[in-house]
N, C-alpha and C. Protein backbone atom coordinates (compact mmCIF):
# COMPACT_ATOMS: atom_id res chain seq x y z
N UNK A 1 62.84 5.10 -11.50
CA UNK A 1 61.60 5.24 -10.84
C UNK A 1 60.44 4.68 -11.58
N UNK A 2 59.60 4.01 -10.87
CA UNK A 2 58.47 3.28 -11.53
C UNK A 2 57.30 4.35 -11.76
N UNK A 3 56.60 4.19 -12.92
CA UNK A 3 55.45 5.04 -13.13
C UNK A 3 54.31 4.62 -12.21
N UNK A 4 53.56 5.62 -11.71
CA UNK A 4 52.48 5.36 -10.82
C UNK A 4 51.12 5.27 -11.59
N UNK A 5 50.23 4.57 -11.13
CA UNK A 5 48.96 4.54 -11.73
C UNK A 5 48.47 3.12 -12.10
N UNK A 6 47.30 2.97 -12.62
CA UNK A 6 46.71 1.70 -12.98
C UNK A 6 46.77 1.51 -14.49
N UNK A 7 46.96 0.30 -14.95
CA UNK A 7 46.96 -0.06 -16.29
C UNK A 7 45.51 -0.18 -16.85
N UNK A 8 45.33 -0.12 -18.07
CA UNK A 8 44.13 -0.24 -18.75
C UNK A 8 43.43 -1.56 -18.44
N UNK A 9 44.17 -2.65 -18.33
CA UNK A 9 43.63 -3.96 -17.99
C UNK A 9 43.06 -3.89 -16.59
N UNK A 10 43.84 -3.39 -15.56
CA UNK A 10 43.41 -3.39 -14.20
C UNK A 10 42.08 -2.55 -14.07
N UNK A 11 41.96 -1.33 -14.85
CA UNK A 11 40.71 -0.70 -14.79
C UNK A 11 39.52 -1.43 -15.47
N UNK A 12 39.85 -2.11 -16.58
CA UNK A 12 38.74 -2.85 -17.19
C UNK A 12 38.22 -3.92 -16.17
N UNK A 13 39.11 -4.69 -15.58
CA UNK A 13 38.62 -5.72 -14.62
C UNK A 13 37.78 -5.12 -13.60
N UNK A 14 38.19 -4.02 -12.99
CA UNK A 14 37.41 -3.36 -11.84
C UNK A 14 36.04 -3.04 -12.54
N UNK A 15 35.95 -2.50 -13.61
CA UNK A 15 34.66 -2.03 -14.15
C UNK A 15 33.78 -3.24 -14.52
N UNK A 16 34.38 -4.33 -14.93
CA UNK A 16 33.66 -5.55 -15.15
C UNK A 16 33.07 -6.11 -13.83
N UNK A 17 33.91 -6.09 -12.79
CA UNK A 17 33.48 -6.59 -11.46
C UNK A 17 32.23 -5.66 -10.94
N UNK A 18 32.37 -4.41 -11.06
CA UNK A 18 31.35 -3.43 -10.63
C UNK A 18 30.04 -3.77 -11.43
N UNK A 19 30.20 -3.95 -12.65
CA UNK A 19 29.06 -4.30 -13.61
C UNK A 19 28.30 -5.57 -13.16
N UNK A 20 29.02 -6.59 -12.77
CA UNK A 20 28.54 -7.84 -12.32
C UNK A 20 27.69 -7.69 -10.98
N UNK A 21 28.42 -6.95 -10.06
CA UNK A 21 27.80 -6.58 -8.80
C UNK A 21 26.51 -5.85 -8.88
N UNK A 22 26.48 -4.88 -9.82
CA UNK A 22 25.27 -4.10 -10.24
C UNK A 22 24.22 -5.00 -10.76
N UNK A 23 24.57 -5.92 -11.68
CA UNK A 23 23.53 -6.70 -12.30
C UNK A 23 22.83 -7.69 -11.34
N UNK A 24 23.61 -8.00 -10.31
CA UNK A 24 23.11 -8.94 -9.20
C UNK A 24 22.21 -8.11 -8.21
N UNK A 25 22.67 -6.89 -7.87
CA UNK A 25 22.01 -6.10 -6.80
C UNK A 25 20.80 -5.47 -7.20
N UNK A 26 20.67 -4.89 -8.38
CA UNK A 26 19.53 -4.07 -8.85
C UNK A 26 18.25 -4.79 -8.98
N UNK A 27 18.19 -6.17 -9.46
CA UNK A 27 16.87 -6.83 -9.32
C UNK A 27 16.50 -7.09 -7.90
N UNK A 28 17.33 -7.26 -7.01
CA UNK A 28 16.97 -7.56 -5.62
C UNK A 28 16.35 -6.30 -4.98
N UNK A 29 16.93 -5.08 -5.29
CA UNK A 29 16.37 -3.89 -4.86
C UNK A 29 14.95 -3.63 -5.33
N UNK A 30 14.74 -3.99 -6.64
CA UNK A 30 13.41 -3.84 -7.32
C UNK A 30 12.38 -4.67 -6.55
N UNK A 31 12.78 -5.95 -6.27
CA UNK A 31 11.91 -6.77 -5.55
C UNK A 31 11.55 -6.29 -4.18
N UNK A 32 12.65 -5.72 -3.56
CA UNK A 32 12.37 -5.21 -2.20
C UNK A 32 11.34 -4.10 -2.11
N UNK A 33 11.31 -3.19 -3.20
CA UNK A 33 10.30 -2.11 -3.35
C UNK A 33 8.97 -2.76 -3.35
N UNK A 34 8.79 -3.78 -4.32
CA UNK A 34 7.47 -4.45 -4.41
C UNK A 34 7.09 -5.06 -3.19
N UNK A 35 7.91 -5.86 -2.41
CA UNK A 35 7.68 -6.45 -1.20
C UNK A 35 7.25 -5.37 -0.11
N UNK A 36 7.90 -4.13 -0.15
CA UNK A 36 7.60 -3.18 0.84
C UNK A 36 6.15 -2.61 0.56
N UNK A 37 5.85 -2.40 -0.67
CA UNK A 37 4.51 -1.85 -0.88
C UNK A 37 3.49 -2.87 -0.52
N UNK A 38 3.71 -4.17 -0.84
CA UNK A 38 2.71 -5.17 -0.38
C UNK A 38 2.51 -5.16 1.06
N UNK A 39 3.68 -5.09 1.84
CA UNK A 39 3.74 -5.05 3.33
C UNK A 39 2.85 -3.79 3.74
N UNK A 40 3.11 -2.76 3.21
CA UNK A 40 2.36 -1.58 3.53
C UNK A 40 0.76 -1.74 3.37
N UNK A 41 0.44 -2.32 2.28
CA UNK A 41 -1.02 -2.58 1.84
C UNK A 41 -1.63 -3.54 2.90
N UNK A 42 -0.84 -4.61 3.32
CA UNK A 42 -1.40 -5.59 4.31
C UNK A 42 -1.43 -4.82 5.72
N UNK A 43 -0.46 -4.03 6.01
CA UNK A 43 -0.54 -3.32 7.37
C UNK A 43 -1.76 -2.24 7.26
N UNK A 44 -1.94 -1.65 6.22
CA UNK A 44 -3.09 -0.74 6.08
C UNK A 44 -4.40 -1.45 6.25
N UNK A 45 -4.48 -2.60 5.60
CA UNK A 45 -5.73 -3.42 5.74
C UNK A 45 -5.99 -3.88 7.13
N UNK A 46 -4.97 -4.29 7.84
CA UNK A 46 -5.12 -4.64 9.18
C UNK A 46 -5.56 -3.47 10.02
N UNK A 47 -5.09 -2.30 9.73
CA UNK A 47 -5.38 -1.05 10.48
C UNK A 47 -6.87 -0.71 10.20
N UNK A 48 -7.41 -0.97 8.97
CA UNK A 48 -8.68 -0.59 8.66
C UNK A 48 -9.55 -1.50 9.51
N UNK A 49 -9.32 -2.81 9.49
CA UNK A 49 -10.15 -3.77 10.25
C UNK A 49 -10.02 -3.46 11.76
N UNK A 50 -8.91 -3.14 12.30
CA UNK A 50 -8.83 -2.80 13.73
C UNK A 50 -9.73 -1.63 14.07
N UNK A 51 -9.52 -0.59 13.18
CA UNK A 51 -10.22 0.67 13.47
C UNK A 51 -11.78 0.38 13.39
N UNK A 52 -12.17 -0.46 12.45
CA UNK A 52 -13.57 -0.79 12.33
C UNK A 52 -14.07 -1.45 13.74
N UNK A 53 -13.32 -2.48 14.11
CA UNK A 53 -13.64 -3.27 15.36
C UNK A 53 -13.66 -2.31 16.55
N UNK A 54 -12.64 -1.44 16.62
CA UNK A 54 -12.67 -0.40 17.84
C UNK A 54 -13.90 0.55 17.66
N UNK A 55 -14.20 1.08 16.56
CA UNK A 55 -15.29 1.95 16.45
C UNK A 55 -16.56 1.24 16.93
N UNK A 56 -16.79 -0.03 16.42
CA UNK A 56 -18.05 -0.74 16.95
C UNK A 56 -18.14 -0.94 18.40
N UNK A 57 -16.92 -1.18 18.99
CA UNK A 57 -16.99 -1.36 20.49
C UNK A 57 -17.28 -0.03 21.14
N UNK A 58 -16.65 0.99 20.73
CA UNK A 58 -16.82 2.35 21.47
C UNK A 58 -18.07 3.04 21.15
N UNK A 59 -18.79 2.54 20.12
CA UNK A 59 -19.98 3.25 19.74
C UNK A 59 -21.16 2.18 19.87
N UNK A 60 -21.21 1.33 20.72
CA UNK A 60 -22.21 0.45 20.95
C UNK A 60 -22.78 -0.29 19.77
N UNK A 61 -21.88 -0.74 18.90
CA UNK A 61 -22.23 -1.42 17.69
C UNK A 61 -22.79 -0.71 16.50
N UNK A 62 -22.80 0.73 16.62
CA UNK A 62 -23.15 1.50 15.52
C UNK A 62 -22.00 1.52 14.42
N UNK A 63 -22.42 1.30 13.15
CA UNK A 63 -21.39 1.24 12.16
C UNK A 63 -20.82 2.62 11.80
N UNK A 64 -19.60 2.67 11.56
CA UNK A 64 -18.91 3.96 11.13
C UNK A 64 -19.19 4.29 9.62
N UNK A 65 -18.88 5.42 9.23
CA UNK A 65 -18.74 5.91 7.90
C UNK A 65 -17.24 5.89 7.55
N UNK A 66 -16.87 6.13 6.26
CA UNK A 66 -15.50 6.16 5.93
C UNK A 66 -14.85 7.23 6.67
N UNK A 67 -15.44 8.44 6.79
CA UNK A 67 -14.83 9.44 7.41
C UNK A 67 -14.54 9.14 8.94
N UNK A 68 -15.58 8.60 9.57
CA UNK A 68 -15.44 8.24 10.98
C UNK A 68 -14.38 7.30 11.17
N UNK A 69 -14.30 6.30 10.21
CA UNK A 69 -13.21 5.14 10.25
C UNK A 69 -11.92 5.75 10.20
N UNK A 70 -11.62 6.56 9.37
CA UNK A 70 -10.32 7.19 9.24
C UNK A 70 -9.86 8.00 10.49
N UNK A 71 -10.84 8.51 11.16
CA UNK A 71 -10.46 9.15 12.51
C UNK A 71 -9.93 8.22 13.54
N UNK A 72 -10.21 6.94 13.35
CA UNK A 72 -9.78 5.91 14.35
C UNK A 72 -8.63 5.22 13.89
N UNK A 73 -7.81 5.70 12.94
CA UNK A 73 -6.68 5.13 12.51
C UNK A 73 -5.61 6.11 11.97
N UNK A 74 -4.40 5.73 12.04
CA UNK A 74 -3.32 6.55 11.52
C UNK A 74 -3.30 6.19 10.03
N UNK A 75 -4.32 6.81 9.26
CA UNK A 75 -4.36 6.55 7.92
C UNK A 75 -3.31 7.32 7.06
N UNK A 76 -2.61 6.62 6.21
CA UNK A 76 -1.71 7.42 5.31
C UNK A 76 -2.47 8.31 4.42
N UNK A 77 -1.86 9.39 4.09
CA UNK A 77 -2.68 10.34 3.13
C UNK A 77 -2.97 9.64 1.74
N UNK A 78 -2.28 8.54 1.31
CA UNK A 78 -2.56 7.97 0.19
C UNK A 78 -3.84 6.96 0.23
N UNK A 79 -4.27 6.79 1.34
CA UNK A 79 -5.54 5.89 1.51
C UNK A 79 -6.82 6.63 0.99
N UNK A 80 -7.40 6.17 0.00
CA UNK A 80 -8.62 6.79 -0.63
C UNK A 80 -9.76 5.91 -0.79
N UNK A 81 -10.97 6.38 -0.78
CA UNK A 81 -12.11 5.56 -1.03
C UNK A 81 -12.49 5.78 -2.55
N UNK A 82 -12.46 4.64 -3.30
CA UNK A 82 -12.89 4.74 -4.71
C UNK A 82 -14.30 4.44 -4.93
N UNK A 83 -14.59 4.19 -6.17
CA UNK A 83 -15.98 3.65 -6.57
C UNK A 83 -16.10 2.21 -6.12
N UNK A 84 -17.40 1.89 -6.08
CA UNK A 84 -17.72 0.52 -5.75
C UNK A 84 -17.25 0.02 -4.33
N UNK A 85 -17.06 0.96 -3.41
CA UNK A 85 -16.79 0.54 -2.18
C UNK A 85 -15.32 0.18 -2.05
N UNK A 86 -14.52 0.19 -2.99
CA UNK A 86 -13.13 -0.25 -2.94
C UNK A 86 -12.31 0.85 -2.18
N UNK A 87 -11.35 0.69 -1.38
CA UNK A 87 -10.40 1.52 -0.87
C UNK A 87 -8.99 1.22 -1.33
N UNK A 88 -8.27 2.19 -1.73
CA UNK A 88 -6.93 2.11 -2.51
C UNK A 88 -5.85 2.87 -1.82
N UNK A 89 -4.69 2.49 -2.28
CA UNK A 89 -3.42 3.26 -1.97
C UNK A 89 -3.04 3.96 -3.19
N UNK A 90 -3.15 5.32 -3.15
CA UNK A 90 -2.89 6.12 -4.32
C UNK A 90 -1.57 6.82 -4.09
N UNK A 91 -0.50 6.11 -4.56
CA UNK A 91 0.87 6.74 -4.30
C UNK A 91 1.19 8.01 -5.08
N UNK A 92 0.47 8.09 -6.26
CA UNK A 92 0.80 9.28 -7.22
C UNK A 92 -0.07 10.48 -6.60
N UNK A 93 -0.93 10.28 -5.68
CA UNK A 93 -1.80 11.41 -5.06
C UNK A 93 -2.44 12.22 -6.16
N UNK A 94 -3.03 11.46 -7.21
CA UNK A 94 -3.62 12.11 -8.30
C UNK A 94 -5.10 11.91 -8.29
N UNK A 95 -5.67 11.36 -7.25
CA UNK A 95 -7.07 11.08 -7.00
C UNK A 95 -7.69 10.18 -8.03
N UNK A 96 -6.84 9.51 -8.88
CA UNK A 96 -7.47 8.55 -9.80
C UNK A 96 -7.30 7.25 -8.99
N UNK A 97 -8.06 7.15 -7.93
CA UNK A 97 -7.88 6.05 -7.06
C UNK A 97 -8.23 4.65 -7.60
N UNK A 98 -9.07 4.61 -8.62
CA UNK A 98 -9.56 3.42 -9.18
C UNK A 98 -8.46 2.76 -9.97
N UNK A 99 -7.29 3.43 -10.26
CA UNK A 99 -6.28 2.75 -10.87
C UNK A 99 -5.04 2.55 -9.87
N UNK A 100 -5.40 2.76 -8.61
CA UNK A 100 -4.39 2.65 -7.53
C UNK A 100 -4.25 1.17 -7.13
N UNK A 101 -3.64 0.95 -5.94
CA UNK A 101 -3.33 -0.43 -5.50
C UNK A 101 -4.53 -0.72 -4.42
N UNK A 102 -5.50 -1.52 -4.90
CA UNK A 102 -6.65 -1.89 -4.12
C UNK A 102 -6.36 -2.64 -2.87
N UNK A 103 -6.88 -2.28 -1.73
CA UNK A 103 -6.71 -3.03 -0.43
C UNK A 103 -7.89 -3.88 -0.07
N UNK A 104 -9.03 -3.40 -0.38
CA UNK A 104 -10.23 -4.15 0.02
C UNK A 104 -11.48 -3.49 -0.39
N UNK A 105 -12.53 -3.95 0.09
CA UNK A 105 -13.96 -3.42 -0.20
C UNK A 105 -14.69 -3.11 1.07
N UNK A 106 -15.54 -2.12 0.94
CA UNK A 106 -16.51 -1.84 2.14
C UNK A 106 -17.87 -1.86 1.64
N UNK A 107 -18.70 -2.50 2.52
CA UNK A 107 -20.14 -2.72 2.08
C UNK A 107 -21.05 -2.13 3.09
N UNK A 108 -22.31 -1.71 2.63
CA UNK A 108 -23.26 -1.13 3.53
C UNK A 108 -24.29 -2.09 4.07
N UNK A 109 -24.03 -3.35 3.88
CA UNK A 109 -24.98 -4.32 4.38
C UNK A 109 -24.23 -5.58 5.01
N UNK A 110 -24.91 -6.27 5.78
CA UNK A 110 -24.31 -7.30 6.58
C UNK A 110 -23.86 -8.51 5.63
N UNK A 111 -24.54 -8.67 4.50
CA UNK A 111 -24.25 -9.83 3.58
C UNK A 111 -23.13 -9.53 2.79
N UNK A 112 -22.46 -8.25 2.75
CA UNK A 112 -21.29 -7.92 2.03
C UNK A 112 -21.73 -7.92 0.53
N UNK A 113 -22.91 -7.39 0.19
CA UNK A 113 -23.39 -7.45 -1.21
C UNK A 113 -23.48 -6.01 -1.86
N UNK A 114 -23.87 -5.03 -0.92
CA UNK A 114 -24.06 -3.66 -1.44
C UNK A 114 -22.73 -2.80 -1.07
N UNK A 115 -22.15 -2.29 -2.07
CA UNK A 115 -20.97 -1.52 -1.94
C UNK A 115 -21.32 -0.17 -1.32
N UNK A 116 -20.40 0.23 -0.41
CA UNK A 116 -20.53 1.69 0.09
C UNK A 116 -20.42 2.75 -1.04
N UNK A 117 -21.48 3.58 -1.03
CA UNK A 117 -21.61 4.50 -2.19
C UNK A 117 -20.59 5.77 -2.00
N UNK A 118 -20.52 6.17 -0.76
CA UNK A 118 -19.63 7.39 -0.62
C UNK A 118 -19.02 7.48 0.95
N UNK A 119 -18.28 8.44 1.18
CA UNK A 119 -17.66 8.63 2.40
C UNK A 119 -18.63 8.67 3.61
N UNK A 120 -19.90 9.00 3.38
CA UNK A 120 -20.81 9.22 4.45
C UNK A 120 -21.82 7.97 4.65
N UNK A 121 -21.59 6.96 3.80
CA UNK A 121 -22.49 5.73 3.92
C UNK A 121 -21.84 4.85 5.05
N UNK A 122 -22.79 4.39 5.83
CA UNK A 122 -22.32 3.46 6.97
C UNK A 122 -21.80 2.25 6.43
N UNK A 123 -20.73 1.79 7.20
CA UNK A 123 -19.94 0.56 6.71
C UNK A 123 -20.46 -0.65 7.63
N UNK A 124 -21.02 -1.65 7.00
CA UNK A 124 -21.50 -2.84 7.76
C UNK A 124 -20.51 -3.98 7.62
N UNK A 125 -19.73 -3.99 6.58
CA UNK A 125 -18.88 -5.14 6.30
C UNK A 125 -17.57 -4.74 5.60
N UNK A 126 -16.40 -5.35 6.12
CA UNK A 126 -15.17 -4.92 5.56
C UNK A 126 -14.47 -6.27 4.96
N UNK A 127 -14.11 -6.12 3.80
CA UNK A 127 -13.45 -7.31 3.16
C UNK A 127 -12.13 -6.87 2.66
N UNK A 128 -11.07 -7.76 2.97
CA UNK A 128 -9.81 -7.40 2.40
C UNK A 128 -9.52 -8.19 1.16
N UNK A 129 -8.98 -7.47 0.17
CA UNK A 129 -8.76 -8.04 -1.19
C UNK A 129 -7.52 -7.39 -1.74
N UNK A 130 -6.37 -7.76 -1.44
CA UNK A 130 -5.13 -7.10 -1.98
C UNK A 130 -5.01 -7.47 -3.40
N UNK A 131 -4.62 -6.62 -4.21
CA UNK A 131 -4.32 -6.97 -5.63
C UNK A 131 -2.88 -6.85 -5.89
């Protein structure tokens, strides 16, 4: 009767093969996560611009505030207004949005020179600036 089971060499070969496959697959998954976040930021930026345009049309050209703009879009909970008129994706939800992933800037003048000061300042210009 033959003994059943695997030899040490067979087990070692399987472990080496699994290790090689893991070494190839892990970096690809890391890159996919980065690409997914970038795609989300781009999509959110497009939503902000669309919501801005829709608000202008529905309100006879009156500029929205940040709060009004959010009401016109399916804004993710991570979308926050930071200092200097920048808006961010804050994935840690820690309100330290100035260290988050910047999407763009909001300005209170038509020349895009004066940053929106707070959520109740009217937005006159939207710029996309993904980091």
